[in-house]
N, C-alpha and C. Protein backbone atom coordinates (compact mmCIF):
# COMPACT_ATOMS: atom_id res chain seq x y z
N UNK A 1 28.83 137.88 107.36
CA UNK A 1 29.87 137.07 106.83
C UNK A 1 29.24 135.83 106.20
N UNK A 2 29.70 135.29 105.19
CA UNK A 2 30.88 135.74 104.44
C UNK A 2 30.55 136.95 103.57
N UNK A 3 31.60 137.65 103.15
CA UNK A 3 31.43 138.75 102.21
C UNK A 3 32.63 138.76 101.26
N UNK A 4 32.44 139.40 100.11
CA UNK A 4 33.53 139.52 99.15
C UNK A 4 33.99 140.97 99.13
N UNK A 5 35.29 141.13 98.87
CA UNK A 5 35.87 142.47 98.88
C UNK A 5 37.07 142.52 97.94
N UNK A 6 37.47 143.73 97.61
CA UNK A 6 38.67 143.95 96.81
C UNK A 6 39.79 144.39 97.74
N UNK A 7 40.92 143.71 97.68
CA UNK A 7 42.04 143.99 98.57
C UNK A 7 42.75 145.29 98.19
N UNK A 8 43.17 145.99 99.22
CA UNK A 8 44.06 147.13 99.08
C UNK A 8 45.28 146.83 99.94
N UNK A 9 46.45 147.28 99.50
CA UNK A 9 47.66 147.10 100.29
C UNK A 9 48.27 148.45 100.61
N UNK A 10 48.88 148.53 101.78
CA UNK A 10 49.54 149.76 102.23
C UNK A 10 50.71 149.33 103.07
N UNK A 11 51.89 149.36 102.47
CA UNK A 11 53.05 148.79 103.15
C UNK A 11 52.77 147.32 103.39
N UNK A 12 53.00 146.86 104.60
CA UNK A 12 52.74 145.47 104.95
C UNK A 12 51.41 145.36 105.71
N UNK A 13 50.38 145.84 105.06
CA UNK A 13 49.02 145.78 105.57
C UNK A 13 48.09 145.49 104.39
N UNK A 14 47.12 144.62 104.62
CA UNK A 14 46.04 144.39 103.65
C UNK A 14 44.78 144.92 104.30
N UNK A 15 44.00 145.69 103.55
CA UNK A 15 42.73 146.17 104.08
C UNK A 15 41.68 146.12 102.98
N UNK A 16 40.43 146.04 103.39
CA UNK A 16 39.33 145.93 102.43
C UNK A 16 38.03 146.32 103.11
N UNK A 17 37.17 146.94 102.32
CA UNK A 17 35.88 147.40 102.82
C UNK A 17 34.96 146.25 103.15
N UNK A 18 34.19 146.43 104.22
CA UNK A 18 33.16 145.47 104.61
C UNK A 18 31.88 146.25 104.93
N UNK A 19 30.73 145.61 104.77
CA UNK A 19 29.46 146.33 104.98
C UNK A 19 29.09 146.45 106.46
N UNK A 20 29.94 147.13 107.21
CA UNK A 20 29.74 147.31 108.65
C UNK A 20 29.98 148.77 108.99
N UNK A 21 29.14 149.31 109.85
CA UNK A 21 29.33 150.66 110.39
C UNK A 21 29.32 150.56 111.90
N UNK A 22 30.25 151.23 112.55
CA UNK A 22 30.31 151.24 114.01
C UNK A 22 31.09 152.47 114.45
N UNK A 23 31.23 152.62 115.75
CA UNK A 23 31.98 153.74 116.31
C UNK A 23 33.32 153.26 116.85
N UNK A 24 34.23 154.19 116.99
CA UNK A 24 35.55 153.88 117.54
C UNK A 24 35.43 153.55 119.02
N UNK A 25 36.02 152.43 119.43
CA UNK A 25 36.02 152.03 120.84
C UNK A 25 36.90 152.97 121.65
N UNK A 26 36.59 153.16 122.94
CA UNK A 26 37.44 154.00 123.79
C UNK A 26 38.87 153.48 123.90
N UNK A 27 39.06 152.16 123.76
CA UNK A 27 40.40 151.59 123.88
C UNK A 27 41.06 151.33 122.52
N UNK A 28 40.60 152.02 121.48
CA UNK A 28 41.17 151.87 120.14
C UNK A 28 42.66 152.23 120.16
N UNK A 29 43.42 151.59 119.28
CA UNK A 29 44.88 151.78 119.22
C UNK A 29 45.33 151.99 117.78
N UNK A 30 46.56 152.47 117.61
CA UNK A 30 47.10 152.61 116.26
C UNK A 30 48.35 151.76 116.02
N UNK A 31 48.87 151.11 117.06
CA UNK A 31 50.00 150.18 116.92
C UNK A 31 49.56 148.84 117.49
N UNK A 32 49.74 147.78 116.69
CA UNK A 32 49.29 146.44 117.08
C UNK A 32 50.35 145.41 116.72
N UNK A 33 50.26 144.22 117.30
CA UNK A 33 51.17 143.14 116.89
C UNK A 33 50.82 142.65 115.48
N UNK A 34 51.80 142.11 114.74
CA UNK A 34 51.49 141.54 113.44
C UNK A 34 50.40 140.47 113.56
N UNK A 35 49.48 140.48 112.58
CA UNK A 35 48.42 139.49 112.56
C UNK A 35 47.18 139.87 113.33
N UNK A 36 47.13 141.09 113.86
CA UNK A 36 45.93 141.55 114.56
C UNK A 36 44.85 141.85 113.54
N UNK A 37 43.63 141.42 113.83
CA UNK A 37 42.47 141.73 112.98
C UNK A 37 41.87 143.03 113.53
N UNK A 38 41.89 144.07 112.69
CA UNK A 38 41.47 145.39 113.12
C UNK A 38 40.28 145.88 112.29
N UNK A 39 39.46 146.74 112.89
CA UNK A 39 38.41 147.41 112.13
C UNK A 39 38.74 148.89 112.08
N UNK A 40 38.93 149.37 110.85
CA UNK A 40 39.23 150.78 110.61
C UNK A 40 37.89 151.49 110.42
N UNK A 41 37.44 152.19 111.46
CA UNK A 41 36.11 152.79 111.49
C UNK A 41 35.94 153.82 110.36
N UNK A 42 36.91 154.71 110.18
CA UNK A 42 36.78 155.76 109.17
C UNK A 42 36.65 155.20 107.76
N UNK A 43 37.26 154.06 107.49
CA UNK A 43 37.22 153.46 106.16
C UNK A 43 36.26 152.30 106.03
N UNK A 44 35.50 152.01 107.10
CA UNK A 44 34.60 150.84 107.13
C UNK A 44 35.30 149.62 106.54
N UNK A 45 36.49 149.35 107.05
CA UNK A 45 37.33 148.30 106.49
C UNK A 45 37.95 147.43 107.57
N UNK A 46 38.18 146.17 107.21
CA UNK A 46 39.03 145.31 108.02
C UNK A 46 40.47 145.61 107.61
N UNK A 47 41.34 145.73 108.58
CA UNK A 47 42.75 145.99 108.32
C UNK A 47 43.55 144.86 108.97
N UNK A 48 44.46 144.28 108.18
CA UNK A 48 45.25 143.14 108.62
C UNK A 48 46.74 143.46 108.46
N UNK A 49 47.33 144.13 109.45
CA UNK A 49 48.76 144.43 109.35
C UNK A 49 49.60 143.21 109.68
N UNK A 50 50.68 143.03 108.91
CA UNK A 50 51.59 141.92 109.17
C UNK A 50 53.04 142.39 109.26
N UNK A 51 53.25 143.70 109.16
CA UNK A 51 54.58 144.29 109.24
C UNK A 51 54.46 145.80 109.16
N UNK A 52 55.57 146.47 108.94
CA UNK A 52 55.57 147.93 108.90
C UNK A 52 54.72 148.52 107.77
N UNK A 53 54.14 149.67 108.05
CA UNK A 53 53.41 150.46 107.05
C UNK A 53 54.19 151.75 106.80
N UNK A 54 53.76 152.58 105.84
CA UNK A 54 54.49 153.83 105.59
C UNK A 54 54.60 154.77 106.79
N UNK A 55 53.73 154.63 107.81
CA UNK A 55 53.81 155.52 108.98
C UNK A 55 54.45 154.84 110.19
N UNK A 56 54.94 153.62 110.03
CA UNK A 56 55.55 152.89 111.14
C UNK A 56 56.88 153.52 111.56
N UNK A 57 57.20 153.32 112.82
CA UNK A 57 58.51 153.66 113.35
C UNK A 57 59.22 152.33 113.56
N UNK A 58 60.26 152.09 112.80
CA UNK A 58 60.95 150.80 112.89
C UNK A 58 60.09 149.69 112.31
N UNK A 59 60.05 148.57 113.02
CA UNK A 59 59.36 147.38 112.54
C UNK A 59 57.92 147.24 113.05
N UNK A 60 57.41 148.25 113.74
CA UNK A 60 56.06 148.15 114.31
C UNK A 60 54.99 148.11 113.22
N UNK A 61 53.83 147.59 113.58
CA UNK A 61 52.64 147.64 112.72
C UNK A 61 51.82 148.84 113.18
N UNK A 62 51.98 149.97 112.48
CA UNK A 62 51.24 151.19 112.83
C UNK A 62 50.22 151.45 111.74
N UNK A 63 48.97 151.63 112.15
CA UNK A 63 47.89 151.93 111.21
C UNK A 63 47.77 153.43 111.03
N UNK A 64 47.07 153.85 110.00
CA UNK A 64 46.97 155.26 109.67
C UNK A 64 46.20 156.05 110.74
N UNK A 65 45.24 155.42 111.40
CA UNK A 65 44.50 156.02 112.50
C UNK A 65 44.25 154.93 113.54
N UNK A 66 43.65 155.31 114.65
CA UNK A 66 43.31 154.30 115.66
C UNK A 66 42.23 153.37 115.10
N UNK A 67 42.27 152.12 115.54
CA UNK A 67 41.35 151.09 115.07
C UNK A 67 40.79 150.31 116.25
N UNK A 68 39.67 149.65 116.01
CA UNK A 68 39.12 148.71 116.99
C UNK A 68 39.79 147.36 116.75
N UNK A 69 40.26 146.73 117.81
CA UNK A 69 40.88 145.41 117.69
C UNK A 69 39.78 144.36 117.83
N UNK A 70 39.72 143.45 116.83
CA UNK A 70 38.69 142.42 116.81
C UNK A 70 39.22 141.04 117.19
N UNK A 71 40.48 140.77 116.92
CA UNK A 71 41.03 139.45 117.19
C UNK A 71 42.39 139.31 116.57
N UNK A 72 42.76 138.06 116.26
CA UNK A 72 44.06 137.82 115.64
C UNK A 72 43.93 136.73 114.59
N UNK A 73 44.85 136.74 113.66
CA UNK A 73 44.90 135.73 112.60
C UNK A 73 45.45 134.44 113.18
N UNK A 74 44.81 133.36 112.84
CA UNK A 74 45.30 132.04 113.25
C UNK A 74 46.28 131.58 112.18
N UNK A 75 47.55 131.46 112.53
CA UNK A 75 48.57 131.07 111.57
C UNK A 75 49.55 132.20 111.34
N UNK A 76 50.36 132.05 110.31
CA UNK A 76 51.44 133.00 110.00
C UNK A 76 50.89 134.21 109.26
N UNK A 77 50.86 135.40 109.89
CA UNK A 77 50.33 136.59 109.21
C UNK A 77 51.16 137.02 108.01
N UNK A 78 52.42 136.57 107.91
CA UNK A 78 53.26 136.94 106.77
C UNK A 78 52.71 136.37 105.45
N UNK A 79 51.81 135.39 105.54
CA UNK A 79 51.17 134.85 104.33
C UNK A 79 50.35 135.93 103.61
N UNK A 80 49.98 136.99 104.34
CA UNK A 80 49.24 138.09 103.73
C UNK A 80 50.06 138.81 102.66
N UNK A 81 51.38 138.67 102.70
CA UNK A 81 52.25 139.32 101.71
C UNK A 81 51.97 138.82 100.30
N UNK A 82 51.33 137.67 100.17
CA UNK A 82 51.00 137.12 98.84
C UNK A 82 49.81 137.82 98.20
N UNK A 83 49.03 138.58 98.98
CA UNK A 83 47.85 139.25 98.44
C UNK A 83 48.27 140.53 97.74
N UNK A 84 47.82 140.70 96.53
CA UNK A 84 48.15 141.88 95.71
C UNK A 84 46.99 142.86 95.69
N UNK A 85 47.33 144.13 95.53
CA UNK A 85 46.34 145.19 95.41
C UNK A 85 45.34 144.83 94.32
N UNK A 86 44.06 144.93 94.62
CA UNK A 86 43.02 144.64 93.65
C UNK A 86 42.53 143.21 93.64
N UNK A 87 43.18 142.32 94.37
CA UNK A 87 42.76 140.92 94.42
C UNK A 87 41.36 140.82 95.02
N UNK A 88 40.56 139.87 94.53
CA UNK A 88 39.23 139.61 95.08
C UNK A 88 39.38 138.65 96.25
N UNK A 89 38.78 139.00 97.39
CA UNK A 89 38.87 138.19 98.59
C UNK A 89 37.48 137.75 99.03
N UNK A 90 37.41 136.59 99.61
CA UNK A 90 36.20 136.16 100.31
C UNK A 90 36.56 136.07 101.78
N UNK A 91 35.82 136.76 102.59
CA UNK A 91 36.09 136.82 104.02
C UNK A 91 35.01 136.03 104.74
N UNK A 92 35.44 135.10 105.61
CA UNK A 92 34.48 134.35 106.40
C UNK A 92 35.04 134.15 107.80
N UNK A 93 34.18 133.83 108.69
CA UNK A 93 34.57 133.60 110.08
C UNK A 93 34.45 132.11 110.36
N UNK A 94 35.47 131.55 110.96
CA UNK A 94 35.46 130.15 111.33
C UNK A 94 35.34 130.08 112.84
N UNK A 95 34.35 129.34 113.30
CA UNK A 95 34.16 129.18 114.74
C UNK A 95 35.28 128.31 115.31
N UNK A 96 35.86 128.72 116.43
CA UNK A 96 36.88 127.88 117.06
C UNK A 96 36.23 126.61 117.60
N UNK A 97 37.00 125.52 117.66
CA UNK A 97 36.43 124.29 118.20
C UNK A 97 36.10 124.46 119.68
N UNK A 98 35.03 123.83 120.11
CA UNK A 98 34.66 123.89 121.52
C UNK A 98 35.59 123.01 122.33
N UNK A 99 35.95 123.48 123.52
CA UNK A 99 36.82 122.70 124.41
C UNK A 99 36.04 121.50 124.92
N UNK A 100 36.71 120.39 125.07
CA UNK A 100 36.06 119.18 125.58
C UNK A 100 36.07 119.16 127.08
């Protein structure tokens, strides 16, 4: 990190390829809360669901396959709705402040 990527959208999910290869965790899931930061192993992509996708049941955030959960978005995940397919993104990690 940081890395640049081209955004893809799928329902209310933004995903994009990153230069990482790993295996699926034993506790991988396919339904997560909005704003969960996920790694889609099969697509070598970060997936950021913020609402229903084409395979969701109701309002759930269901991904196309099981994913590794990495963390959560700090702030309102609905802001991801502003990202359009093909947009160029810069992805970086911000260290949380240390507790005093």
